[in-house]
Amino acid sequence: MSHKTITISDEAYATLKRRKKEGESFTDVILREFAEGNADRILSVVMSHDFPDSELAENVRQASEEHRKNFRMRQ
C-alpha cells in the first residue's frame, strides 16, 4: 500500500483525533467518515459544530442541494 503525506490545520487534526476510535488509524477514520459516495455523511460532518469553517460548510450545503436538484432533473 502506498502512502501520501498531507498537511492539515491543527483544528482539522483535532477533529480527526476526536473521531478516532480505539485501534483505528487516521486512514481508518477518514475512510469511515468520508467513504466515497457518502455525500450525506460528508455534509453532516461539515455542518457539525466540530467543523471550523462555517462559510465553507454553507457553501457545501448549497452545492449539495444544487447537485441533488440537477440529479433529479436528469432522471
Protein backbone atom coordinates (compact mmCIF):
# COMPACT_ATOMS: atom_id res chain seq x y z
CA MET A 1 0.00 0.00 0.00
CA SER A 2 1.41 3.39 -0.91
CA HIS A 3 1.29 6.34 1.45
CA LYS A 4 0.85 10.08 0.96
CA THR A 5 1.74 12.89 3.31
CA ILE A 6 -0.82 15.66 3.71
CA THR A 7 -0.84 18.90 5.64
CA ILE A 8 -3.92 19.77 7.70
CA SER A 9 -4.69 22.51 10.17
CA ASP A 10 -4.48 21.94 13.91
CA GLU A 11 -8.28 22.18 14.02
CA ALA A 12 -8.69 19.50 11.35
CA TYR A 13 -6.23 17.25 13.20
CA ALA A 14 -8.11 17.74 16.48
CA THR A 15 -11.40 16.88 14.74
CA LEU A 16 -9.97 13.69 13.26
CA LYS A 17 -8.42 12.78 16.60
CA ARG A 18 -11.78 13.20 18.39
CA ARG A 19 -13.47 10.92 15.86
CA LYS A 20 -10.72 8.27 16.06
CA LYS A 21 -11.83 5.09 17.80
CA GLU A 22 -9.51 2.87 19.80
CA GLY A 23 -7.30 0.84 17.47
CA GLU A 24 -8.08 2.97 14.41
CA SER A 25 -5.54 4.75 12.27
CA PHE A 26 -6.23 8.20 10.85
CA THR A 27 -6.66 6.47 7.48
CA ASP A 28 -9.40 4.32 9.03
CA VAL A 29 -11.14 7.44 10.36
CA ILE A 30 -11.02 9.21 7.02
CA LEU A 31 -12.32 6.18 5.13
CA ARG A 32 -15.10 5.59 7.68
CA GLU A 33 -16.18 9.22 7.84
CA PHE A 34 -15.79 10.13 4.18
CA ALA A 35 -16.33 6.94 2.20
CA GLU A 36 -16.84 7.60 -1.49
CA GLY A 37 -20.48 8.07 -2.31
CA ASN A 38 -21.40 9.14 1.21
CA ALA A 39 -22.31 12.75 0.48
CA ASP A 40 -24.84 12.90 3.32
CA ARG A 41 -22.17 11.89 5.83
CA ILE A 42 -19.72 14.47 4.49
CA LEU A 43 -22.40 17.14 4.68
CA SER A 44 -23.32 16.21 8.26
CA VAL A 45 -19.67 16.47 9.35
CA VAL A 46 -19.21 19.79 7.58
CA MET A 47 -22.38 21.16 9.15
CA SER A 48 -21.42 19.94 12.65
CA HIS A 49 -20.08 22.17 15.38
CA ASP A 50 -16.70 20.40 15.06
CA PHE A 51 -16.12 21.88 11.62
CA PRO A 52 -14.14 25.14 11.89
CA ASP A 53 -15.29 26.99 8.77
CA SER A 54 -18.99 27.93 8.76
CA GLU A 55 -18.78 29.71 5.38
CA LEU A 56 -17.34 26.60 3.74
CA ALA A 57 -20.00 24.50 5.45
CA GLU A 58 -22.74 26.68 3.99
CA ASN A 59 -21.16 26.52 0.51
CA VAL A 60 -21.04 22.71 0.72
CA ARG A 61 -24.69 22.62 1.81
CA GLN A 62 -25.74 24.82 -1.13
CA ALA A 63 -23.67 22.81 -3.61
CA SER A 64 -25.22 19.59 -2.30
CA GLU A 65 -28.74 20.96 -2.74
CA GLU A 66 -27.93 22.12 -6.27
CA HIS A 67 -26.41 18.75 -7.16
CA ARG A 68 -29.47 16.89 -5.87
CA LYS A 69 -31.80 19.22 -7.78
CA ASN A 70 -29.83 18.71 -11.02
CA PHE A 71 -29.71 14.96 -10.49
CA ARG A 72 -33.50 14.77 -10.10
CA MET A 73 -33.99 16.82 -13.27
CA ARG A 74 -31.87 14.36 -15.31
CA GLN A 75 -33.86 11.30 -14.27
